[in-house]
Structures are given as C-alpha cells and as structure tokens.
Amino acid sequence: MSLHPFFVSSAGSQRTVANKPRLPSQFTRADVSRLSNLDDTCLMVIGNAVYDVTGFLNQHPGGKEILLEFVGMDATLAFRQVGHTRRAKDLLKQCYVGPLVMLRLVNVCVMLCGVV
C-alpha cells in the first residue's frame, strides 16, 4: 500500500514534524487527551487504537471541523456511524500511532510496589 501524499516528505520517508512532542508507543485515554492540541497534535481514539490525524485535517472530505470535534477524545462511534469507504479505512491505518491501553505497566508497578 502506498502512502497518501501528506504522509510523505520530499525525501520519500514517512512524515516527521520537528516541533511535535515525542509520542509514547502506547496510550491511555488520559494520554490522548493530555497530548492532543488543535495546533500540532490531533490525536483521537477509534476502536482500541490511537490515530494522529493532524496531517489529514485539510484533506478530510467532510471538512476538518468534524475531526476537530473529536481531538483528544474517542471518535469510534462517529467513525463507524458514517460508513467510511475502504479507502478511508486504509488512510486511517496510515495515521495509526499506537494501541489504546487501560493502564501502563509502569503505573501498575507504582501502585502495587511504590517504586519503579
């Protein structure tokens, strides 16, 4: 599967944004909310996955406003109710940044052991 143009830099690699905060490899709902902002990191939850739709805002066929409504939140129901095409689902896969988890293991160790 080829990458949509907004995911590719002029060098041909996956897009990178210099001022973006480094994202964790997995996310809690609190992470999605805390790390999201309307300027440069538009994260949302769909299913059990987290997606960064920042680069897709201006290309979204329904307009960026609908995506902005769900920044930092769970958009699962809204995404499923619209009935997106296979192409839309393929584009969504390219926005994937990590799984949604209930608690990170480190958090559990801190609560149970009091140390990391």
PDB file of N, CA and C in Angstrom:
ATOM      1  N   MET A   1       0.843  -1.165   0.000  1.00  0.00           N
ATOM      2  CA  MET A   1       0.000   0.000   0.000  1.00  0.00           C
ATOM      3  C   MET A   1       0.893   1.234   0.000  1.00  0.00           C
ATOM      4  N   SER A   2       0.640   2.178  -0.883  1.00  0.00           N
ATOM      5  CA  SER A   2       1.441   3.396  -0.922  1.00  0.00           C
ATOM      6  C   SER A   2       0.882   4.418   0.051  1.00  0.00           C
ATOM      7  N   LEU A   3       1.761   5.291   0.505  1.00  0.00           N
ATOM      8  CA  LEU A   3       1.352   6.311   1.454  1.00  0.00           C
ATOM      9  C   LEU A   3       0.642   7.455   0.751  1.00  0.00           C
ATOM     10  N   HIS A   4      -0.372   7.985   1.394  1.00  0.00           N
ATOM     11  CA  HIS A   4      -1.060   9.179   0.920  1.00  0.00           C
ATOM     12  C   HIS A   4      -0.029  10.307   0.910  1.00  0.00           C
ATOM     13  N   PRO A   5      -0.111  11.264  -0.032  1.00  0.00           N
ATOM     14  CA  PRO A   5       0.915  12.313  -0.144  1.00  0.00           C
ATOM     15  C   PRO A   5       1.199  13.084   1.147  1.00  0.00           C
ATOM     16  N   PHE A   6       0.221  13.299   2.013  1.00  0.00           N
ATOM     17  CA  PHE A   6       0.505  14.078   3.223  1.00  0.00           C
ATOM     18  C   PHE A   6       1.360  13.315   4.220  1.00  0.00           C
ATOM     19  N   PHE A   7       1.585  12.022   4.010  1.00  0.00           N
ATOM     20  CA  PHE A   7       2.423  11.225   4.896  1.00  0.00           C
ATOM     21  C   PHE A   7       3.856  11.128   4.400  1.00  0.00           C
ATOM     22  N   VAL A   8       4.157  11.706   3.246  1.00  0.00           N
ATOM     23  CA  VAL A   8       5.469  11.533   2.639  1.00  0.00           C
ATOM     24  C   VAL A   8       6.180  12.876   2.542  1.00  0.00           C
ATOM     25  N   SER A   9       7.419  12.915   3.010  1.00  0.00           N
ATOM     26  CA  SER A   9       8.216  14.131   2.884  1.00  0.00           C
ATOM     27  C   SER A   9       8.851  14.154   1.505  1.00  0.00           C
ATOM     28  N   SER A  10       9.543  15.231   1.196  1.00  0.00           N
ATOM     29  CA  SER A  10      10.197  15.316  -0.109  1.00  0.00           C
ATOM     30  C   SER A  10      11.272  14.251  -0.259  1.00  0.00           C
ATOM     31  N   ALA A  11      11.792  13.743   0.860  1.00  0.00           N
ATOM     32  CA  ALA A  11      12.811  12.689   0.792  1.00  0.00           C
ATOM     33  C   ALA A  11      12.184  11.310   0.620  1.00  0.00           C
ATOM     34  N   GLY A  12      10.854  11.224   0.700  1.00  0.00           N
ATOM     35  CA  GLY A  12      10.177   9.969   0.477  1.00  0.00           C
ATOM     36  C   GLY A  12       9.961   9.137   1.720  1.00  0.00           C
ATOM     37  N   SER A  13      10.310   9.641   2.869  1.00  0.00           N
ATOM     38  CA  SER A  13      10.101   8.882   4.099  1.00  0.00           C
ATOM     39  C   SER A  13       8.815   9.332   4.777  1.00  0.00           C
ATOM     40  N   GLN A  14       8.412   8.567   5.789  1.00  0.00           N
ATOM     41  CA  GLN A  14       7.193   8.920   6.496  1.00  0.00           C
ATOM     42  C   GLN A  14       7.359  10.291   7.126  1.00  0.00           C
ATOM     43  N   ARG A  15       6.275  11.077   7.172  1.00  0.00           N
ATOM     44  CA  ARG A  15       6.369  12.469   7.591  1.00  0.00           C
ATOM     45  C   ARG A  15       6.843  12.599   9.027  1.00  0.00           C
ATOM     46  N   THR A  16       7.602  13.652   9.252  1.00  0.00           N
ATOM     47  CA  THR A  16       8.006  13.992  10.605  1.00  0.00           C
ATOM     48  C   THR A  16       7.771  15.476  10.782  1.00  0.00           C
ATOM     49  N   VAL A  17       7.436  15.884  11.978  1.00  0.00           N
ATOM     50  CA  VAL A  17       7.210  17.288  12.272  1.00  0.00           C
ATOM     51  C   VAL A  17       8.181  17.656  13.383  1.00  0.00           C
ATOM     52  N   ALA A  18       9.035  18.627  13.114  1.00  0.00           N
ATOM     53  CA  ALA A  18      10.137  18.947  14.017  1.00  0.00           C
ATOM     54  C   ALA A  18       9.672  19.327  15.425  1.00  0.00           C
ATOM     55  N   ASN A  19       8.627  20.094  15.558  1.00  0.00           N
ATOM     56  CA  ASN A  19       8.222  20.597  16.868  1.00  0.00           C
ATOM     57  C   ASN A  19       7.216  19.713  17.595  1.00  0.00           C
ATOM     58  N   LYS A  20       6.887  18.575  17.042  1.00  0.00           N
ATOM     59  CA  LYS A  20       5.918  17.689  17.687  1.00  0.00           C
ATOM     60  C   LYS A  20       6.533  16.996  18.879  1.00  0.00           C
ATOM     61  N   PRO A  21       5.754  16.849  19.961  1.00  0.00           N
ATOM     62  CA  PRO A  21       6.299  16.096  21.093  1.00  0.00           C
ATOM     63  C   PRO A  21       6.458  14.623  20.717  1.00  0.00           C
ATOM     64  N   ARG A  22       7.437  13.970  21.313  1.00  0.00           N
ATOM     65  CA  ARG A  22       7.615  12.535  21.069  1.00  0.00           C
ATOM     66  C   ARG A  22       6.433  11.808  21.701  1.00  0.00           C
ATOM     67  N   LEU A  23       5.815  10.945  20.934  1.00  0.00           N
ATOM     68  CA  LEU A  23       4.640  10.236  21.412  1.00  0.00           C
ATOM     69  C   LEU A  23       5.034   8.886  22.003  1.00  0.00           C
ATOM     70  N   PRO A  24       4.293   8.433  23.013  1.00  0.00           N
ATOM     71  CA  PRO A  24       4.584   7.111  23.585  1.00  0.00           C
ATOM     72  C   PRO A  24       4.226   6.005  22.593  1.00  0.00           C
ATOM     73  N   SER A  25       4.668   4.785  22.868  1.00  0.00           N
ATOM     74  CA  SER A  25       4.367   3.666  21.977  1.00  0.00           C
ATOM     75  C   SER A  25       2.984   3.088  22.238  1.00  0.00           C
ATOM     76  N   GLN A  26       2.397   3.418  23.384  1.00  0.00           N
ATOM     77  CA  GLN A  26       1.026   3.025  23.708  1.00  0.00           C
ATOM     78  C   GLN A  26       0.396   4.170  24.488  1.00  0.00           C
ATOM     79  N   PHE A  27      -0.930   4.224  24.499  1.00  0.00           N
ATOM     80  CA  PHE A  27      -1.628   5.376  25.051  1.00  0.00           C
ATOM     81  C   PHE A  27      -2.748   4.964  25.991  1.00  0.00           C
ATOM     82  N   THR A  28      -2.931   5.736  27.033  1.00  0.00           N
ATOM     83  CA  THR A  28      -4.147   5.643  27.833  1.00  0.00           C
ATOM     84  C   THR A  28      -5.063   6.745  27.320  1.00  0.00           C
ATOM     85  N   ARG A  29      -6.319   6.719  27.725  1.00  0.00           N
ATOM     86  CA  ARG A  29      -7.235   7.800  27.330  1.00  0.00           C
ATOM     87  C   ARG A  29      -6.729   9.141  27.853  1.00  0.00           C
ATOM     88  N   ALA A  30      -6.140   9.129  29.045  1.00  0.00           N
ATOM     89  CA  ALA A  30      -5.589  10.364  29.610  1.00  0.00           C
ATOM     90  C   ALA A  30      -4.447  10.895  28.745  1.00  0.00           C
ATOM     91  N   ASP A  31      -3.605  10.001  28.201  1.00  0.00           N
ATOM     92  CA  ASP A  31      -2.524  10.423  27.305  1.00  0.00           C
ATOM     93  C   ASP A  31      -3.086  11.103  26.071  1.00  0.00           C
ATOM     94  N   VAL A  32      -4.099  10.504  25.480  1.00  0.00           N
ATOM     95  CA  VAL A  32      -4.694  11.049  24.257  1.00  0.00           C
ATOM     96  C   VAL A  32      -5.210  12.465  24.525  1.00  0.00           C
ATOM     97  N   SER A  33      -5.874  12.634  25.631  1.00  0.00           N
ATOM     98  CA  SER A  33      -6.402  13.944  25.988  1.00  0.00           C
ATOM     99  C   SER A  33      -5.279  14.941  26.279  1.00  0.00           C
ATOM    100  N   ARG A  34      -4.305  14.520  27.073  1.00  0.00           N
ATOM    101  CA  ARG A  34      -3.207  15.398  27.503  1.00  0.00           C
ATOM    102  C   ARG A  34      -2.291  15.811  26.350  1.00  0.00           C
ATOM    103  N   LEU A  35      -2.000  14.896  25.441  1.00  0.00           N
ATOM    104  CA  LEU A  35      -1.054  15.157  24.359  1.00  0.00           C
ATOM    105  C   LEU A  35      -1.682  15.868  23.157  1.00  0.00           C
ATOM    106  N   SER A  36      -2.990  15.903  23.101  1.00  0.00           N
ATOM    107  CA  SER A  36      -3.672  16.498  21.953  1.00  0.00           C
ATOM    108  C   SER A  36      -3.819  18.007  22.122  1.00  0.00           C
ATOM    109  N   ASN A  37      -3.669  18.690  21.012  1.00  0.00           N
ATOM    110  CA  ASN A  37      -3.980  20.115  20.960  1.00  0.00           C
ATOM    111  C   ASN A  37      -4.359  20.433  19.523  1.00  0.00           C
ATOM    112  N   LEU A  38      -5.000  21.538  19.314  1.00  0.00           N
ATOM    113  CA  LEU A  38      -5.503  21.852  17.981  1.00  0.00           C
ATOM    114  C   LEU A  38      -4.430  22.434  17.068  1.00  0.00           C
ATOM    115  N   ASP A  39      -3.247  22.703  17.612  1.00  0.00           N
ATOM    116  CA  ASP A  39      -2.188  23.320  16.812  1.00  0.00           C
ATOM    117  C   ASP A  39      -1.327  22.324  16.050  1.00  0.00           C
ATOM    118  N   ASP A  40      -0.859  21.264  16.751  1.00  0.00           N
ATOM    119  CA  ASP A  40       0.101  20.398  16.067  1.00  0.00           C
ATOM    120  C   ASP A  40       0.004  18.917  16.394  1.00  0.00           C
ATOM    121  N   THR A  41      -0.889  18.505  17.268  1.00  0.00           N
ATOM    122  CA  THR A  41      -1.014  17.086  17.593  1.00  0.00           C
ATOM    123  C   THR A  41      -2.484  16.751  17.792  1.00  0.00           C
ATOM    124  N   CYS A  42      -3.111  16.276  16.765  1.00  0.00           N
ATOM    125  CA  CYS A  42      -4.538  15.954  16.811  1.00  0.00           C
ATOM    126  C   CYS A  42      -4.714  14.445  16.917  1.00  0.00           C
ATOM    127  N   LEU A  43      -4.745  13.970  18.148  1.00  0.00           N
ATOM    128  CA  LEU A  43      -4.913  12.542  18.410  1.00  0.00           C
ATOM    129  C   LEU A  43      -6.367  12.228  18.671  1.00  0.00           C
ATOM    130  N   MET A  44      -6.783  11.028  18.280  1.00  0.00           N
ATOM    131  CA  MET A  44      -8.124  10.554  18.605  1.00  0.00           C
ATOM    132  C   MET A  44      -8.111   9.035  18.694  1.00  0.00           C
ATOM    133  N   VAL A  45      -9.078   8.522  19.423  1.00  0.00           N
ATOM    134  CA  VAL A  45      -9.231   7.084  19.602  1.00  0.00           C
ATOM    135  C   VAL A  45     -10.313   6.590  18.657  1.00  0.00           C
ATOM    136  N   ILE A  46     -10.026   5.503  17.949  1.00  0.00           N
ATOM    137  CA  ILE A  46     -11.034   4.799  17.159  1.00  0.00           C
ATOM    138  C   ILE A  46     -10.805   3.316  17.432  1.00  0.00           C
ATOM    139  N   GLY A  47     -11.796   2.674  18.015  1.00  0.00           N
ATOM    140  CA  GLY A  47     -11.638   1.291  18.432  1.00  0.00           C
ATOM    141  C   GLY A  47     -10.671   1.234  19.596  1.00  0.00           C
ATOM    142  N   ASN A  48      -9.720   0.352  19.520  1.00  0.00           N
ATOM    143  CA  ASN A  48      -8.696   0.225  20.555  1.00  0.00           C
ATOM    144  C   ASN A  48      -7.363   0.761  20.072  1.00  0.00           C
ATOM    145  N   ALA A  49      -7.401   1.770  19.208  1.00  0.00           N
ATOM    146  CA  ALA A  49      -6.188   2.328  18.625  1.00  0.00           C
ATOM    147  C   ALA A  49      -6.224   3.849  18.692  1.00  0.00           C
ATOM    148  N   VAL A  50      -5.031   4.433  18.646  1.00  0.00           N
ATOM    149  CA  VAL A  50      -4.889   5.885  18.672  1.00  0.00           C
ATOM    150  C   VAL A  50      -4.328   6.328  17.325  1.00  0.00           C
ATOM    151  N   TYR A  51      -4.895   7.391  16.803  1.00  0.00           N
ATOM    152  CA  TYR A  51      -4.519   7.913  15.496  1.00  0.00           C
ATOM    153  C   TYR A  51      -4.162   9.387  15.606  1.00  0.00           C
ATOM    154  N   ASP A  52      -3.132   9.797  14.866  1.00  0.00           N
ATOM    155  CA  ASP A  52      -2.760  11.202  14.760  1.00  0.00           C
ATOM    156  C   ASP A  52      -3.254  11.685  13.398  1.00  0.00           C
ATOM    157  N   VAL A  53      -4.319  12.467  13.403  1.00  0.00           N
ATOM    158  CA  VAL A  53      -4.943  12.915  12.155  1.00  0.00           C
ATOM    159  C   VAL A  53      -4.522  14.337  11.773  1.00  0.00           C
ATOM    160  N   THR A  54      -3.492  14.847  12.434  1.00  0.00           N
ATOM    161  CA  THR A  54      -3.051  16.223  12.206  1.00  0.00           C
ATOM    162  C   THR A  54      -2.825  16.512  10.728  1.00  0.00           C
ATOM    163  N   GLY A  55      -2.075  15.658  10.046  1.00  0.00           N
ATOM    164  CA  GLY A  55      -1.736  15.887   8.647  1.00  0.00           C
ATOM    165  C   GLY A  55      -2.889  15.686   7.682  1.00  0.00           C
ATOM    166  N   PHE A  56      -3.982  15.150   8.178  1.00  0.00           N
ATOM    167  CA  PHE A  56      -5.123  14.859   7.308  1.00  0.00           C
ATOM    168  C   PHE A  56      -6.249  15.887   7.454  1.00  0.00           C
ATOM    169  N   LEU A  57      -6.130  16.796   8.402  1.00  0.00           N
ATOM    170  CA  LEU A  57      -7.216  17.741   8.678  1.00  0.00           C
ATOM    171  C   LEU A  57      -7.716  18.459   7.432  1.00  0.00           C
ATOM    172  N   ASN A  58      -6.812  19.036   6.664  1.00  0.00           N
ATOM    173  CA  ASN A  58      -7.224  19.834   5.498  1.00  0.00           C
ATOM    174  C   ASN A  58      -7.645  18.987   4.299  1.00  0.00           C
ATOM    175  N   GLN A  59      -7.373  17.680   4.336  1.00  0.00           N
ATOM    176  CA  GLN A  59      -7.760  16.806   3.226  1.00  0.00           C
ATOM    177  C   GLN A  59      -9.048  16.032   3.506  1.00  0.00           C
ATOM    178  N   HIS A  60      -9.543  16.092   4.729  1.00  0.00           N
ATOM    179  CA  HIS A  60     -10.735  15.307   5.079  1.00  0.00           C
ATOM    180  C   HIS A  60     -11.930  15.768   4.240  1.00  0.00           C
ATOM    181  N   PRO A  61     -12.559  14.848   3.511  1.00  0.00           N
ATOM    182  CA  PRO A  61     -13.672  15.214   2.628  1.00  0.00           C
ATOM    183  C   PRO A  61     -14.852  15.886   3.343  1.00  0.00           C
ATOM    184  N   GLY A  62     -15.060  15.555   4.600  1.00  0.00           N
ATOM    185  CA  GLY A  62     -16.146  16.162   5.360  1.00  0.00           C
ATOM    186  C   GLY A  62     -15.768  17.467   6.024  1.00  0.00           C
ATOM    187  N   GLY A  63     -14.528  17.905   5.809  1.00  0.00           N
ATOM    188  CA  GLY A  63     -14.032  19.132   6.413  1.00  0.00           C
ATOM    189  C   GLY A  63     -13.302  18.841   7.719  1.00  0.00           C
ATOM    190  N   LYS A  64     -12.355  19.706   8.031  1.00  0.00           N
ATOM    191  CA  LYS A  64     -11.549  19.470   9.227  1.00  0.00           C
ATOM    192  C   LYS A  64     -12.338  19.665  10.510  1.00  0.00           C
ATOM    193  N   GLU A  65     -13.427  20.416  10.449  1.00  0.00           N
ATOM    194  CA  GLU A  65     -14.210  20.702  11.651  1.00  0.00           C
ATOM    195  C   GLU A  65     -14.723  19.438  12.319  1.00  0.00           C
ATOM    196  N   ILE A  66     -15.140  18.464  11.524  1.00  0.00           N
ATOM    197  CA  ILE A  66     -15.666  17.221  12.098  1.00  0.00           C
ATOM    198  C   ILE A  66     -14.561  16.468  12.843  1.00  0.00           C
ATOM    199  N   LEU A  67     -13.342  16.486  12.315  1.00  0.00           N
ATOM    200  CA  LEU A  67     -12.229  15.843  13.007  1.00  0.00           C
ATOM    201  C   LEU A  67     -11.875  16.609  14.282  1.00  0.00           C
ATOM    202  N   LEU A  68     -11.872  17.922  14.205  1.00  0.00           N
ATOM    203  CA  LEU A  68     -11.501  18.744  15.358  1.00  0.00           C
ATOM    204  C   LEU A  68     -12.462  18.548  16.535  1.00  0.00           C
ATOM    205  N   GLU A  69     -13.697  18.168  16.251  1.00  0.00           N
ATOM    206  CA  GLU A  69     -14.665  17.905  17.323  1.00  0.00           C
ATOM    207  C   GLU A  69     -14.214  16.759  18.222  1.00  0.00           C
ATOM    208  N   PHE A  70     -13.401  15.847  17.688  1.00  0.00           N
ATOM    209  CA  PHE A  70     -13.015  14.645  18.423  1.00  0.00           C
ATOM    210  C   PHE A  70     -11.547  14.604  18.830  1.00  0.00           C
ATOM    211  N   VAL A  71     -10.829  15.703  18.666  1.00  0.00           N
ATOM    212  CA  VAL A  71      -9.418  15.731  19.063  1.00  0.00           C
ATOM    213  C   VAL A  71      -9.327  15.484  20.568  1.00  0.00           C
ATOM    214  N   GLY A  72      -8.491  14.516  20.930  1.00  0.00           N
ATOM    215  CA  GLY A  72      -8.296  14.168  22.330  1.00  0.00           C
ATOM    216  C   GLY A  72      -9.373  13.274  22.904  1.00  0.00           C
ATOM    217  N   MET A  73     -10.266  12.799  22.041  1.00  0.00           N
ATOM    218  CA  MET A  73     -11.418  12.028  22.516  1.00  0.00           C
ATOM    219  C   MET A  73     -11.577  10.722  21.737  1.00  0.00           C
ATOM    220  N   ASP A  74     -12.622   9.975  22.092  1.00  0.00           N
ATOM    221  CA  ASP A  74     -12.963   8.732  21.415  1.00  0.00           C
ATOM    222  C   ASP A  74     -13.936   9.044  20.276  1.00  0.00           C
ATOM    223  N   ALA A  75     -13.514   8.739  19.061  1.00  0.00           N
ATOM    224  CA  ALA A  75     -14.323   9.000  17.869  1.00  0.00           C
ATOM    225  C   ALA A  75     -14.877   7.715  17.258  1.00  0.00           C
ATOM    226  N   THR A  76     -14.830   6.622  18.000  1.00  0.00           N
ATOM    227  CA  THR A  76     -15.223   5.322  17.471  1.00  0.00           C
ATOM    228  C   THR A  76     -16.642   5.323  16.922  1.00  0.00           C
ATOM    229  N   LEU A  77     -17.586   5.736  17.713  1.00  0.00           N
ATOM    230  CA  LEU A  77     -18.990   5.702  17.298  1.00  0.00           C
ATOM    231  C   LEU A  77     -19.222   6.583  16.075  1.00  0.00           C
ATOM    232  N   ALA A  78     -18.677   7.790  16.097  1.00  0.00           N
ATOM    233  CA  ALA A  78     -18.857   8.708  14.964  1.00  0.00           C
ATOM    234  C   ALA A  78     -18.244   8.128  13.696  1.00  0.00           C
ATOM    235  N   PHE A  79     -17.056   7.529  13.803  1.00  0.00           N
ATOM    236  CA  PHE A  79     -16.395   6.955  12.631  1.00  0.00           C
ATOM    237  C   PHE A  79     -17.222   5.814  12.056  1.00  0.00           C
ATOM    238  N   ARG A  80     -17.725   4.965  12.917  1.00  0.00           N
ATOM    239  CA  ARG A  80     -18.499   3.806  12.449  1.00  0.00           C
ATOM    240  C   ARG A  80     -19.864   4.197  11.896  1.00  0.00           C
ATOM    241  N   GLN A  81     -20.481   5.206  12.460  1.00  0.00           N
ATOM    242  CA  GLN A  81     -21.817   5.617  12.008  1.00  0.00           C
ATOM    243  C   GLN A  81     -21.803   6.214  10.609  1.00  0.00           C
ATOM    244  N   VAL A  82     -20.684   6.811  10.223  1.00  0.00           N
ATOM    245  CA  VAL A  82     -20.607   7.452   8.913  1.00  0.00           C
ATOM    246  C   VAL A  82     -20.549   6.432   7.785  1.00  0.00           C
ATOM    247  N   GLY A  83     -19.998   5.268   8.044  1.00  0.00           N
ATOM    248  CA  GLY A  83     -19.887   4.256   6.991  1.00  0.00           C
ATOM    249  C   GLY A  83     -18.780   4.594   6.016  1.00  0.00           C
ATOM    250  N   HIS A  84     -17.561   4.712   6.512  1.00  0.00           N
ATOM    251  CA  HIS A  84     -16.421   5.080   5.686  1.00  0.00           C
ATOM    252  C   HIS A  84     -16.082   3.994   4.659  1.00  0.00           C
ATOM    253  N   THR A  85     -15.514   4.433   3.547  1.00  0.00           N
ATOM    254  CA  THR A  85     -15.107   3.521   2.472  1.00  0.00           C
ATOM    255  C   THR A  85     -13.840   2.763   2.866  1.00  0.00           C
ATOM    256  N   ARG A  86     -13.511   1.750   2.080  1.00  0.00           N
ATOM    257  CA  ARG A  86     -12.263   1.005   2.289  1.00  0.00           C
ATOM    258  C   ARG A  86     -11.071   1.952   2.165  1.00  0.00           C
ATOM    259  N   ARG A  87     -11.120   2.854   1.216  1.00  0.00           N
ATOM    260  CA  ARG A  87     -10.028   3.838   1.021  1.00  0.00           C
ATOM    261  C   ARG A  87      -9.847   4.686   2.272  1.00  0.00           C
ATOM    262  N   ALA A  88     -10.955   5.127   2.867  1.00  0.00           N
ATOM    263  CA  ALA A  88     -10.877   5.930   4.092  1.00  0.00           C
ATOM    264  C   ALA A  88     -10.260   5.115   5.225  1.00  0.00           C
ATOM    265  N   LYS A  89     -10.634   3.851   5.310  1.00  0.00           N
ATOM    266  CA  LYS A  89     -10.078   2.989   6.356  1.00  0.00           C
ATOM    267  C   LYS A  89      -8.583   2.741   6.125  1.00  0.00           C
ATOM    268  N   ASP A  90      -8.172   2.643   4.862  1.00  0.00           N
ATOM    269  CA  ASP A  90      -6.751   2.497   4.549  1.00  0.00           C
ATOM    270  C   ASP A  90      -5.980   3.763   4.932  1.00  0.00           C
ATOM    271  N   LEU A  91      -6.557   4.924   4.666  1.00  0.00           N
ATOM    272  CA  LEU A  91      -5.909   6.178   5.060  1.00  0.00           C
ATOM    273  C   LEU A  91      -5.799   6.274   6.578  1.00  0.00           C
ATOM    274  N   LEU A  92      -6.826   5.810   7.277  1.00  0.00           N
ATOM    275  CA  LEU A  92      -6.811   5.836   8.733  1.00  0.00           C
ATOM    276  C   LEU A  92      -5.649   4.998   9.268  1.00  0.00           C
ATOM    277  N   LYS A  93      -5.402   3.850   8.650  1.00  0.00           N
ATOM    278  CA  LYS A  93      -4.300   2.985   9.092  1.00  0.00           C
ATOM    279  C   LYS A  93      -2.969   3.728   9.039  1.00  0.00           C
ATOM    280  N   GLN A  94      -2.824   4.623   8.089  1.00  0.00           N
ATOM    281  CA  GLN A  94      -1.583   5.374   7.958  1.00  0.00           C
ATOM    282  C   GLN A  94      -1.424   6.423   9.062  1.00  0.00           C
ATOM    283  N   CYS A  95      -2.497   6.728   9.774  1.00  0.00           N
ATOM    284  CA  CYS A  95      -2.454   7.690  10.879  1.00  0.00           C
ATOM    285  C   CYS A  95      -2.214   7.002  12.216  1.00  0.00           C
ATOM    286  N   TYR A  96      -2.162   5.683  12.234  1.00  0.00           N
ATOM    287  CA  TYR A  96      -2.015   4.912  13.467  1.00  0.00           C
ATOM    288  C   TYR A  96      -0.704   5.258  14.175  1.00  0.00           C
ATOM    289  N   VAL A  97      -0.810   5.544  15.489  1.00  0.00           N
ATOM    290  CA  VAL A  97       0.396   5.835  16.265  1.00  0.00           C
ATOM    291  C   VAL A  97       0.590   4.878  17.435  1.00  0.00           C
ATOM    292  N   GLY A  98      -0.424   4.083  17.778  1.00  0.00           N
ATOM    293  CA  GLY A  98      -0.237   3.115  18.847  1.00  0.00           C
ATOM    294  C   GLY A  98      -1.549   2.591  19.396  1.00  0.00           C
ATOM    295  N   PRO A  99      -1.444   1.554  20.231  1.00  0.00           N
ATOM    296  CA  PRO A  99      -2.653   0.962  20.811  1.00  0.00           C
ATOM    297  C   PRO A  99      -3.163   1.767  22.005  1.00  0.00           C
ATOM    298  N   LEU A 100      -4.431   1.625  22.272  1.00  0.00           N
ATOM    299  CA  LEU A 100      -5.042   2.193  23.467  1.00  0.00           C
ATOM    300  C   LEU A 100      -4.963   1.136  24.559  1.00  0.00           C
ATOM    301  N   VAL A 101      -4.452   1.502  25.710  1.00  0.00           N
ATOM    302  CA  VAL A 101      -4.348   0.581  26.845  1.00  0.00           C
ATOM    303  C   VAL A 101      -5.080   1.193  28.035  1.00  0.00           C
ATOM    304  N   MET A 102      -5.491   0.332  28.943  1.00  0.00           N
ATOM    305  CA  MET A 102      -6.197   0.834  30.119  1.00  0.00           C
ATOM    306  C   MET A 102      -5.226   1.493  31.099  1.00  0.00           C
ATOM    307  N   LEU A 103      -4.146   0.821  31.418  1.00  0.00           N
ATOM    308  CA  LEU A 103      -3.088   1.344  32.282  1.00  0.00           C
ATOM    309  C   LEU A 103      -1.761   0.847  31.760  1.00  0.00           C
ATOM    310  N   ARG A 104      -0.745   1.668  31.880  1.00  0.00           N
ATOM    311  CA  ARG A 104       0.582   1.196  31.516  1.00  0.00           C
ATOM    312  C   ARG A 104       1.143   0.365  32.654  1.00  0.00           C
ATOM    313  N   LEU A 105       1.968  -0.587  32.319  1.00  0.00           N
ATOM    314  CA  LEU A 105       2.562  -1.479  33.312  1.00  0.00           C
ATOM    315  C   LEU A 105       3.318  -0.688  34.381  1.00  0.00           C
ATOM    316  N   VAL A 106       3.980   0.369  33.999  1.00  0.00           N
ATOM    317  CA  VAL A 106       4.712   1.189  34.967  1.00  0.00           C
ATOM    318  C   VAL A 106       3.751   1.742  36.007  1.00  0.00           C
ATOM    319  N   ASN A 107       2.591   2.213  35.568  1.00  0.00           N
ATOM    320  CA  ASN A 107       1.599   2.747  36.510  1.00  0.00           C
ATOM    321  C   ASN A 107       1.165   1.669  37.503  1.00  0.00           C
ATOM    322  N   VAL A 108       0.988   0.455  37.029  1.00  0.00           N
ATOM    323  CA  VAL A 108       0.573  -0.645  37.897  1.00  0.00           C
ATOM    324  C   VAL A 108       1.670  -0.939  38.911  1.00  0.00           C
ATOM    325  N   CYS A 109       2.953  -0.958  38.483  1.00  0.00           N
ATOM    326  CA  CYS A 109       4.058  -1.211  39.390  1.00  0.00           C
ATOM    327  C   CYS A 109       4.149  -0.127  40.460  1.00  0.00           C
ATOM    328  N   VAL A 110       3.943   1.104  40.087  1.00  0.00           N
ATOM    329  CA  VAL A 110       3.984   2.189  41.061  1.00  0.00           C
ATOM    330  C   VAL A 110       2.882   2.008  42.088  1.00  0.00           C
ATOM    331  N   MET A 111       1.695   1.667  41.635  1.00  0.00           N
ATOM    332  CA  MET A 111       0.573   1.494  42.570  1.00  0.00           C
ATOM    333  C   MET A 111       0.790   0.302  43.484  1.00  0.00           C
ATOM    334  N   LEU A 112       1.302  -0.798  42.953  1.00  0.00           N
ATOM    335  CA  LEU A 112       1.469  -2.011  43.764  1.00  0.00           C
ATOM    336  C   LEU A 112       2.751  -2.017  44.589  1.00  0.00           C
ATOM    337  N   CYS A 113       3.830  -1.534  44.010  1.00  0.00           N
ATOM    338  CA  CYS A 113       5.137  -1.651  44.671  1.00  0.00           C
ATOM    339  C   CYS A 113       5.599  -0.342  45.314  1.00  0.00           C
ATOM    340  N   GLY A 114       5.093   0.752  44.814  1.00  0.00           N
ATOM    341  CA  GLY A 114       5.526   2.043  45.323  1.00  0.00           C
ATOM    342  C   GLY A 114       6.834   2.519  44.727  1.00  0.00           C
ATOM    343  N   VAL A 115       7.418   1.723  43.816  1.00  0.00           N
ATOM    344  CA  VAL A 115       8.678   2.099  43.173  1.00  0.00           C
ATOM    345  C   VAL A 115       8.637   1.670  41.711  1.00  0.00           C
ATOM    346  N   VAL A 116       9.529   2.228  40.947  1.00  0.00           N
ATOM    347  CA  VAL A 116       9.648   1.841  39.548  1.00  0.00           C
ATOM    348  C   VAL A 116      11.001   1.218  39.349  1.00  0.00           C
TER     349      VAL A 116
END
